[in-house]
Amino acid sequence: MMRRILRVRLLLALIVAALAGYALYASLSWPFRAALFPRVIGIPLLLLALTEMSLTALGREDERQEHAVDFELSTGVEPAVAARRTLAMFGWIVGFLFAILSLGFPLAVPLFVFLYLKFAGEKWRLALALALFSWLFIEGLFNRLLHVPMPPGWLLSIWN
């Protein structure tokens, strides 16, 4: 059984290394700005995958005596409460995605932060301050510093 797991881990590391290597190779002919992201992600990913491959191939993983911790749902929460919380989080995620599509990312993020904090019971001052901070962060980082073009949302594109 352990041998099979090691073979699967070796195969997975080989696939990840091949994908990272291909991304790095494909980005060689790209302009610097376009190739920056694949290189920043691809180089560490390739190094980590090659390290995993070598550790698995050399059998270093057999020396570990600890067992992985199995995923276990908490037992201290009633199933009905857990289901309600899960649906609430799913609703927030879907609402956030809808806000991004309809209003655009720069407006959806502070609106989401504000609404989430208010529904969580935070004070107006804190919710407004964090929403303003999130807008300044998005505007400063993506628009002013990185010059990332962000399309307007569907509703805002009607008026343009």
N, C-alpha and C. Protein backbone atom coordinates (compact mmCIF):
# COMPACT_ATOMS: atom_id res chain seq x y z
N MET A 1 0.83 -1.20 0.00
CA MET A 1 0.00 0.00 0.00
C MET A 1 0.87 1.26 0.00
N MET A 2 1.91 1.26 0.84
CA MET A 2 2.79 2.43 0.92
C MET A 2 3.51 2.67 -0.40
N ARG A 3 3.89 1.58 -1.05
CA ARG A 3 4.59 1.69 -2.33
C ARG A 3 3.69 2.34 -3.39
N ARG A 4 2.41 2.00 -3.36
CA ARG A 4 1.46 2.57 -4.30
C ARG A 4 1.30 4.07 -4.06
N ILE A 5 1.23 4.46 -2.81
CA ILE A 5 1.10 5.88 -2.47
C ILE A 5 2.33 6.64 -2.94
N LEU A 6 3.51 6.05 -2.74
CA LEU A 6 4.73 6.72 -3.19
C LEU A 6 4.77 6.87 -4.70
N ARG A 7 4.28 5.86 -5.43
CA ARG A 7 4.23 5.96 -6.89
C ARG A 7 3.27 7.07 -7.32
N VAL A 8 2.14 7.16 -6.66
CA VAL A 8 1.17 8.21 -6.99
C VAL A 8 1.76 9.58 -6.68
N ARG A 9 2.45 9.71 -5.56
CA ARG A 9 3.08 10.98 -5.21
C ARG A 9 4.16 11.35 -6.21
N LEU A 10 4.93 10.36 -6.64
CA LEU A 10 5.96 10.61 -7.64
C LEU A 10 5.34 11.04 -8.96
N LEU A 11 4.27 10.38 -9.36
CA LEU A 11 3.59 10.74 -10.60
C LEU A 11 3.00 12.14 -10.52
N LEU A 12 2.38 12.47 -9.39
CA LEU A 12 1.82 13.80 -9.22
C LEU A 12 2.91 14.87 -9.26
N ALA A 13 4.01 14.63 -8.61
CA ALA A 13 5.12 15.59 -8.62
C ALA A 13 5.69 15.73 -10.03
N LEU A 14 5.75 14.64 -10.77
CA LEU A 14 6.23 14.69 -12.15
C LEU A 14 5.29 15.52 -13.02
N ILE A 15 3.99 15.34 -12.86
CA ILE A 15 3.02 16.12 -13.64
C ILE A 15 3.12 17.60 -13.30
N VAL A 16 3.21 17.93 -12.02
CA VAL A 16 3.32 19.33 -11.61
C VAL A 16 4.61 19.94 -12.14
N ALA A 17 5.71 19.20 -12.07
CA ALA A 17 6.98 19.70 -12.59
C ALA A 17 6.91 19.91 -14.10
N ALA A 18 6.26 18.99 -14.81
CA ALA A 18 6.12 19.14 -16.26
C ALA A 18 5.28 20.36 -16.61
N LEU A 19 4.19 20.58 -15.88
CA LEU A 19 3.34 21.76 -16.14
C LEU A 19 4.09 23.06 -15.83
N ALA A 20 4.82 23.08 -14.73
CA ALA A 20 5.58 24.28 -14.38
C ALA A 20 6.69 24.52 -15.40
N GLY A 21 7.35 23.45 -15.82
CA GLY A 21 8.40 23.59 -16.83
C GLY A 21 7.84 24.09 -18.15
N TYR A 22 6.67 23.58 -18.54
CA TYR A 22 6.05 24.05 -19.78
C TYR A 22 5.66 25.52 -19.67
N ALA A 23 5.12 25.93 -18.52
CA ALA A 23 4.74 27.34 -18.34
C ALA A 23 5.98 28.23 -18.44
N LEU A 24 7.07 27.80 -17.86
CA LEU A 24 8.31 28.59 -17.94
C LEU A 24 8.84 28.63 -19.37
N TYR A 25 8.80 27.50 -20.06
CA TYR A 25 9.27 27.45 -21.44
C TYR A 25 8.40 28.31 -22.35
N ALA A 26 7.09 28.24 -22.16
CA ALA A 26 6.17 29.02 -23.00
C ALA A 26 6.34 30.51 -22.77
N SER A 27 6.71 30.89 -21.57
CA SER A 27 6.82 32.32 -21.26
C SER A 27 8.15 32.93 -21.71
N LEU A 28 9.06 32.13 -22.24
CA LEU A 28 10.35 32.66 -22.67
C LEU A 28 10.22 33.68 -23.80
N SER A 29 9.27 33.48 -24.69
CA SER A 29 9.13 34.39 -25.83
C SER A 29 8.14 35.53 -25.56
N TRP A 30 7.56 35.58 -24.38
CA TRP A 30 6.58 36.61 -24.06
C TRP A 30 7.28 37.89 -23.63
N PRO A 31 6.59 39.04 -23.75
CA PRO A 31 7.13 40.28 -23.19
C PRO A 31 7.27 40.16 -21.67
N PHE A 32 8.12 40.97 -21.11
CA PHE A 32 8.46 40.85 -19.68
C PHE A 32 7.22 40.90 -18.79
N ARG A 33 6.35 41.89 -19.00
CA ARG A 33 5.18 42.04 -18.12
C ARG A 33 4.23 40.86 -18.24
N ALA A 34 4.09 40.32 -19.44
CA ALA A 34 3.19 39.18 -19.62
C ALA A 34 3.79 37.91 -19.02
N ALA A 35 5.11 37.80 -19.04
CA ALA A 35 5.77 36.58 -18.56
C ALA A 35 6.07 36.62 -17.07
N LEU A 36 5.89 37.75 -16.43
CA LEU A 36 6.26 37.89 -15.03
C LEU A 36 5.50 36.93 -14.13
N PHE A 37 4.19 36.87 -14.27
CA PHE A 37 3.39 36.00 -13.40
C PHE A 37 3.73 34.53 -13.58
N PRO A 38 3.77 34.00 -14.82
CA PRO A 38 4.13 32.58 -14.95
C PRO A 38 5.53 32.26 -14.41
N ARG A 39 6.43 33.20 -14.51
CA ARG A 39 7.78 32.95 -14.00
C ARG A 39 7.84 33.00 -12.48
N VAL A 40 7.15 33.97 -11.90
CA VAL A 40 7.16 34.10 -10.44
C VAL A 40 6.50 32.89 -9.79
N ILE A 41 5.46 32.36 -10.41
CA ILE A 41 4.80 31.17 -9.88
C ILE A 41 5.52 29.90 -10.32
N GLY A 42 5.97 29.86 -11.57
CA GLY A 42 6.52 28.64 -12.15
C GLY A 42 7.86 28.21 -11.57
N ILE A 43 8.74 29.15 -11.27
CA ILE A 43 10.07 28.79 -10.77
C ILE A 43 9.98 28.11 -9.40
N PRO A 44 9.30 28.72 -8.40
CA PRO A 44 9.21 28.01 -7.12
C PRO A 44 8.42 26.70 -7.23
N LEU A 45 7.38 26.70 -8.07
CA LEU A 45 6.60 25.48 -8.24
C LEU A 45 7.45 24.37 -8.84
N LEU A 46 8.26 24.68 -9.82
CA LEU A 46 9.15 23.69 -10.42
C LEU A 46 10.16 23.18 -9.40
N LEU A 47 10.75 24.08 -8.63
CA LEU A 47 11.72 23.67 -7.61
C LEU A 47 11.09 22.79 -6.54
N LEU A 48 9.89 23.15 -6.10
CA LEU A 48 9.22 22.34 -5.08
C LEU A 48 8.82 20.98 -5.64
N ALA A 49 8.35 20.94 -6.87
CA ALA A 49 7.97 19.65 -7.47
C ALA A 49 9.19 18.76 -7.66
N LEU A 50 10.30 19.34 -8.10
CA LEU A 50 11.52 18.53 -8.25
C LEU A 50 12.03 18.03 -6.91
N THR A 51 11.90 18.86 -5.87
CA THR A 51 12.29 18.43 -4.53
C THR A 51 11.40 17.28 -4.06
N GLU A 52 10.11 17.40 -4.29
CA GLU A 52 9.18 16.32 -3.92
C GLU A 52 9.49 15.04 -4.69
N MET A 53 9.79 15.19 -5.97
CA MET A 53 10.15 14.02 -6.77
C MET A 53 11.40 13.33 -6.22
N SER A 54 12.41 14.12 -5.91
CA SER A 54 13.66 13.52 -5.43
C SER A 54 13.48 12.88 -4.06
N LEU A 55 12.74 13.52 -3.16
CA LEU A 55 12.50 12.93 -1.84
C LEU A 55 11.70 11.63 -1.95
N THR A 56 10.72 11.63 -2.83
CA THR A 56 9.92 10.42 -3.00
C THR A 56 10.73 9.32 -3.67
N ALA A 57 11.50 9.67 -4.69
CA ALA A 57 12.28 8.66 -5.42
C ALA A 57 13.38 8.07 -4.54
N LEU A 58 13.98 8.88 -3.67
CA LEU A 58 15.05 8.40 -2.81
C LEU A 58 14.53 7.66 -1.58
N GLY A 59 13.23 7.66 -1.39
CA GLY A 59 12.65 6.93 -0.27
C GLY A 59 12.75 7.65 1.05
N ARG A 60 12.98 8.94 1.05
CA ARG A 60 13.10 9.69 2.30
C ARG A 60 11.77 9.77 3.03
N GLU A 61 10.70 9.60 2.32
CA GLU A 61 9.38 9.71 2.94
C GLU A 61 9.08 8.52 3.85
N ASP A 62 9.74 7.38 3.65
CA ASP A 62 9.50 6.21 4.48
C ASP A 62 9.96 6.42 5.91
N GLU A 63 10.87 7.38 6.14
CA GLU A 63 11.44 7.59 7.46
C GLU A 63 10.47 8.25 8.43
N ARG A 64 9.45 8.90 7.88
CA ARG A 64 8.50 9.58 8.75
C ARG A 64 7.61 8.58 9.46
N GLN A 65 7.41 8.77 10.73
CA GLN A 65 6.56 7.87 11.50
C GLN A 65 5.19 8.46 11.78
N GLU A 66 5.05 9.78 11.60
CA GLU A 66 3.77 10.40 11.90
C GLU A 66 2.75 10.03 10.82
N HIS A 67 1.52 10.11 11.19
CA HIS A 67 0.45 9.86 10.25
C HIS A 67 -0.24 11.18 9.95
N ALA A 68 -0.75 11.29 8.75
CA ALA A 68 -1.48 12.50 8.39
C ALA A 68 -2.75 12.58 9.22
N VAL A 69 -3.13 13.78 9.57
CA VAL A 69 -4.35 13.99 10.32
C VAL A 69 -5.51 13.93 9.36
N ASP A 70 -6.47 13.10 9.65
CA ASP A 70 -7.63 12.99 8.79
C ASP A 70 -8.53 14.19 8.99
N PHE A 71 -9.19 14.56 7.91
CA PHE A 71 -10.15 15.66 7.97
C PHE A 71 -11.36 15.20 8.77
N GLU A 72 -11.75 16.00 9.74
CA GLU A 72 -12.90 15.65 10.55
C GLU A 72 -13.70 16.90 10.81
N LEU A 73 -14.98 16.80 10.56
CA LEU A 73 -15.85 17.93 10.86
C LEU A 73 -15.95 18.09 12.37
N SER A 74 -16.16 19.32 12.79
CA SER A 74 -16.26 19.54 14.23
C SER A 74 -17.51 18.85 14.76
N THR A 75 -17.38 18.33 15.95
CA THR A 75 -18.51 17.61 16.55
C THR A 75 -19.26 18.46 17.55
N GLY A 76 -18.77 19.64 17.83
CA GLY A 76 -19.42 20.50 18.82
C GLY A 76 -20.51 21.39 18.25
N VAL A 77 -20.81 21.28 16.96
CA VAL A 77 -21.82 22.13 16.34
C VAL A 77 -22.94 21.23 15.83
N GLU A 78 -24.16 21.65 16.11
CA GLU A 78 -25.32 20.90 15.64
C GLU A 78 -25.33 20.88 14.11
N PRO A 79 -25.74 19.79 13.50
CA PRO A 79 -25.78 19.71 12.03
C PRO A 79 -26.65 20.78 11.39
N ALA A 80 -27.75 21.15 12.02
CA ALA A 80 -28.62 22.19 11.45
C ALA A 80 -27.92 23.54 11.46
N VAL A 81 -27.18 23.82 12.54
CA VAL A 81 -26.44 25.09 12.62
C VAL A 81 -25.31 25.09 11.60
N ALA A 82 -24.62 23.97 11.47
CA ALA A 82 -23.54 23.89 10.48
C ALA A 82 -24.07 24.06 9.08
N ALA A 83 -25.22 23.46 8.77
CA ALA A 83 -25.82 23.61 7.44
C ALA A 83 -26.23 25.05 7.19
N ARG A 84 -26.80 25.71 8.18
CA ARG A 84 -27.21 27.11 8.03
C ARG A 84 -26.00 28.01 7.81
N ARG A 85 -24.93 27.77 8.55
CA ARG A 85 -23.71 28.57 8.38
C ARG A 85 -23.08 28.33 7.01
N THR A 86 -23.09 27.09 6.56
CA THR A 86 -22.54 26.77 5.25
C THR A 86 -23.33 27.46 4.15
N LEU A 87 -24.64 27.41 4.24
CA LEU A 87 -25.47 28.09 3.25
C LEU A 87 -25.28 29.61 3.30
N ALA A 88 -25.10 30.15 4.49
CA ALA A 88 -24.85 31.59 4.60
C ALA A 88 -23.54 31.98 3.92
N MET A 89 -22.49 31.21 4.16
CA MET A 89 -21.20 31.51 3.51
C MET A 89 -21.30 31.34 1.99
N PHE A 90 -22.00 30.31 1.55
CA PHE A 90 -22.21 30.12 0.13
C PHE A 90 -22.96 31.31 -0.46
N GLY A 91 -23.95 31.81 0.26
CA GLY A 91 -24.69 32.99 -0.19
C GLY A 91 -23.80 34.22 -0.29
N TRP A 92 -22.92 34.42 0.68
CA TRP A 92 -22.01 35.55 0.64
C TRP A 92 -21.06 35.45 -0.56
N ILE A 93 -20.58 34.25 -0.83
CA ILE A 93 -19.66 34.07 -1.97
C ILE A 93 -20.37 34.34 -3.28
N VAL A 94 -21.57 33.79 -3.44
CA VAL A 94 -22.34 34.02 -4.67
C VAL A 94 -22.69 35.51 -4.80
N GLY A 95 -23.05 36.14 -3.70
CA GLY A 95 -23.35 37.57 -3.73
C GLY A 95 -22.14 38.40 -4.11
N PHE A 96 -20.97 38.02 -3.61
CA PHE A 96 -19.74 38.73 -3.95
C PHE A 96 -19.43 38.59 -5.44
N LEU A 97 -19.59 37.38 -5.97
CA LEU A 97 -19.35 37.17 -7.39
C LEU A 97 -20.35 37.97 -8.23
N PHE A 98 -21.60 38.00 -7.82
CA PHE A 98 -22.61 38.78 -8.53
C PHE A 98 -22.28 40.27 -8.46
N ALA A 99 -21.80 40.74 -7.32
CA ALA A 99 -21.43 42.15 -7.19
C ALA A 99 -20.25 42.49 -8.09
N ILE A 100 -19.29 41.59 -8.21
CA ILE A 100 -18.15 41.83 -9.10
C ILE A 100 -18.63 41.93 -10.54
N LEU A 101 -19.51 41.01 -10.94
CA LEU A 101 -20.02 41.05 -12.31
C LEU A 101 -20.87 42.28 -12.58
N SER A 102 -21.70 42.66 -11.63
CA SER A 102 -22.63 43.77 -11.90
C SER A 102 -22.02 45.14 -11.64
N LEU A 103 -21.16 45.28 -10.65
CA LEU A 103 -20.60 46.59 -10.30
C LEU A 103 -19.14 46.76 -10.68
N GLY A 104 -18.44 45.66 -10.89
CA GLY A 104 -17.01 45.73 -11.15
C GLY A 104 -16.25 45.49 -9.86
N PHE A 105 -15.02 45.03 -9.99
CA PHE A 105 -14.21 44.66 -8.84
C PHE A 105 -13.93 45.82 -7.89
N PRO A 106 -13.54 47.02 -8.39
CA PRO A 106 -13.20 48.10 -7.46
C PRO A 106 -14.35 48.57 -6.59
N LEU A 107 -15.58 48.44 -7.05
CA LEU A 107 -16.72 48.82 -6.21
C LEU A 107 -17.26 47.65 -5.40
N ALA A 108 -17.15 46.44 -5.94
CA ALA A 108 -17.70 45.28 -5.26
C ALA A 108 -16.95 44.94 -3.98
N VAL A 109 -15.64 45.12 -3.97
CA VAL A 109 -14.85 44.75 -2.78
C VAL A 109 -15.23 45.61 -1.57
N PRO A 110 -15.21 46.95 -1.67
CA PRO A 110 -15.59 47.71 -0.48
C PRO A 110 -17.06 47.52 -0.08
N LEU A 111 -17.93 47.35 -1.07
CA LEU A 111 -19.34 47.09 -0.75
C LEU A 111 -19.48 45.77 0.00
N PHE A 112 -18.78 44.76 -0.46
CA PHE A 112 -18.82 43.46 0.21
C PHE A 112 -18.27 43.56 1.62
N VAL A 113 -17.13 44.22 1.78
CA VAL A 113 -16.53 44.36 3.11
C VAL A 113 -17.49 45.08 4.05
N PHE A 114 -18.09 46.16 3.58
CA PHE A 114 -19.01 46.92 4.42
C PHE A 114 -20.23 46.09 4.81
N LEU A 115 -20.87 45.46 3.83
CA LEU A 115 -22.08 44.69 4.12
C LEU A 115 -21.79 43.49 5.03
N TYR A 116 -20.69 42.81 4.78
CA TYR A 116 -20.35 41.66 5.61
C TYR A 116 -20.11 42.08 7.05
N LEU A 117 -19.38 43.16 7.24
CA LEU A 117 -19.11 43.62 8.61
C LEU A 117 -20.37 44.11 9.31
N LYS A 118 -21.24 44.78 8.58
CA LYS A 118 -22.48 45.26 9.20
C LYS A 118 -23.38 44.09 9.58
N PHE A 119 -23.50 43.08 8.70
CA PHE A 119 -24.32 41.92 9.03
C PHE A 119 -23.69 41.09 10.15
N ALA A 120 -22.38 41.20 10.32
CA ALA A 120 -21.70 40.49 11.41
C ALA A 120 -21.83 41.24 12.73
N GLY A 121 -22.41 42.43 12.69
CA GLY A 121 -22.65 43.17 13.92
C GLY A 121 -21.59 44.18 14.29
N GLU A 122 -20.71 44.51 13.38
CA GLU A 122 -19.67 45.50 13.68
C GLU A 122 -20.26 46.92 13.66
N LYS A 123 -19.54 47.83 14.30
CA LYS A 123 -19.99 49.22 14.37
C LYS A 123 -19.83 49.90 13.01
N TRP A 124 -20.63 50.95 12.80
CA TRP A 124 -20.60 51.68 11.54
C TRP A 124 -19.22 52.22 11.23
N ARG A 125 -18.57 52.78 12.23
CA ARG A 125 -17.27 53.41 12.01
C ARG A 125 -16.23 52.41 11.51
N LEU A 126 -16.19 51.24 12.14
CA LEU A 126 -15.24 50.21 11.73
C LEU A 126 -15.57 49.69 10.33
N ALA A 127 -16.85 49.44 10.07
CA ALA A 127 -17.25 48.92 8.76
C ALA A 127 -16.91 49.92 7.65
N LEU A 128 -17.19 51.19 7.89
CA LEU A 128 -16.87 52.21 6.89
C LEU A 128 -15.36 52.38 6.71
N ALA A 129 -14.63 52.34 7.81
CA ALA A 129 -13.18 52.50 7.73
C ALA A 129 -12.53 51.35 6.96
N LEU A 130 -12.95 50.13 7.23
CA LEU A 130 -12.37 48.99 6.52
C LEU A 130 -12.82 48.94 5.06
N ALA A 131 -14.04 49.37 4.79
CA ALA A 131 -14.48 49.44 3.39
C ALA A 131 -13.67 50.49 2.64
N LEU A 132 -13.43 51.63 3.26
CA LEU A 132 -12.61 52.66 2.64
C LEU A 132 -11.18 52.18 2.45
N PHE A 133 -10.64 51.51 3.44
CA PHE A 133 -9.29 50.97 3.32
C PHE A 133 -9.20 49.95 2.18
N SER A 134 -10.20 49.09 2.07
CA SER A 134 -10.18 48.09 0.99
C SER A 134 -10.25 48.76 -0.37
N TRP A 135 -11.05 49.83 -0.49
CA TRP A 135 -11.11 50.54 -1.77
C TRP A 135 -9.77 51.22 -2.06
N LEU A 136 -9.17 51.86 -1.06
CA LEU A 136 -7.87 52.50 -1.26
C LEU A 136 -6.81 51.47 -1.63
N PHE A 137 -6.86 50.30 -1.02
CA PHE A 137 -5.89 49.26 -1.34
C PHE A 137 -6.05 48.78 -2.77
N ILE A 138 -7.28 48.50 -3.18
CA ILE A 138 -7.54 48.04 -4.55
C ILE A 138 -7.16 49.12 -5.54
N GLU A 139 -7.57 50.34 -5.28
CA GLU A 139 -7.27 51.45 -6.19
C GLU A 139 -5.77 51.72 -6.24
N GLY A 140 -5.13 51.74 -5.10
CA GLY A 140 -3.70 52.04 -5.06
C GLY A 140 -2.85 50.95 -5.67
N LEU A 141 -3.13 49.70 -5.34
CA LEU A 141 -2.31 48.61 -5.82
C LEU A 141 -2.57 48.29 -7.29
N PHE A 142 -3.82 48.00 -7.61
CA PHE A 142 -4.12 47.51 -8.95
C PHE A 142 -4.21 48.62 -9.99
N ASN A 143 -4.78 49.75 -9.64
CA ASN A 143 -4.97 50.81 -10.63
C ASN A 143 -3.76 51.72 -10.73
N ARG A 144 -3.32 52.24 -9.61
CA ARG A 144 -2.24 53.24 -9.64
C ARG A 144 -0.85 52.62 -9.76
N LEU A 145 -0.59 51.54 -9.03
CA LEU A 145 0.76 50.96 -9.01
C LEU A 145 0.98 49.97 -10.14
N LEU A 146 0.08 49.00 -10.29
CA LEU A 146 0.27 47.95 -11.29
C LEU A 146 -0.39 48.26 -12.63
N HIS A 147 -1.27 49.24 -12.67
CA HIS A 147 -1.99 49.63 -13.90
C HIS A 147 -2.74 48.44 -14.51
N VAL A 148 -3.43 47.71 -13.66
CA VAL A 148 -4.23 46.58 -14.13
C VAL A 148 -5.58 47.11 -14.58
N PRO A 149 -5.91 46.91 -15.85
CA PRO A 149 -7.22 47.39 -16.30
C PRO A 149 -8.34 46.51 -15.74
N MET A 150 -9.31 47.15 -15.14
CA MET A 150 -10.44 46.41 -14.59
C MET A 150 -11.70 46.88 -15.31
N PRO A 151 -12.36 45.98 -15.97
CA PRO A 151 -13.57 46.38 -16.70
C PRO A 151 -14.67 46.80 -15.74
N PRO A 152 -15.50 47.72 -16.16
CA PRO A 152 -16.63 48.08 -15.29
C PRO A 152 -17.62 46.93 -15.24
N GLY A 153 -18.44 46.93 -14.23
CA GLY A 153 -19.45 45.89 -14.13
C GLY A 153 -20.52 46.06 -15.19
N TRP A 154 -21.36 45.06 -15.29
CA TRP A 154 -22.40 45.08 -16.31
C TRP A 154 -23.33 46.28 -16.14
N LEU A 155 -23.70 46.59 -14.90
CA LEU A 155 -24.58 47.73 -14.69
C LEU A 155 -23.91 49.05 -15.03
N LEU A 156 -22.63 49.19 -14.68
CA LEU A 156 -21.93 50.44 -14.95
C LEU A 156 -21.57 50.59 -16.43
N SER A 157 -21.47 49.48 -17.14
CA SER A 157 -21.14 49.59 -18.56
C SER A 157 -22.33 50.06 -19.38
N ILE A 158 -23.52 50.01 -18.84
CA ILE A 158 -24.71 50.50 -19.54
C ILE A 158 -24.61 52.01 -19.76
N TRP A 159 -24.09 52.72 -18.75
CA TRP A 159 -24.02 54.19 -18.83
C TRP A 159 -22.81 54.68 -19.59
N ASN A 160 -21.88 53.84 -19.92
CA ASN A 160 -20.69 54.28 -20.67
C ASN A 160 -20.84 54.07 -22.13
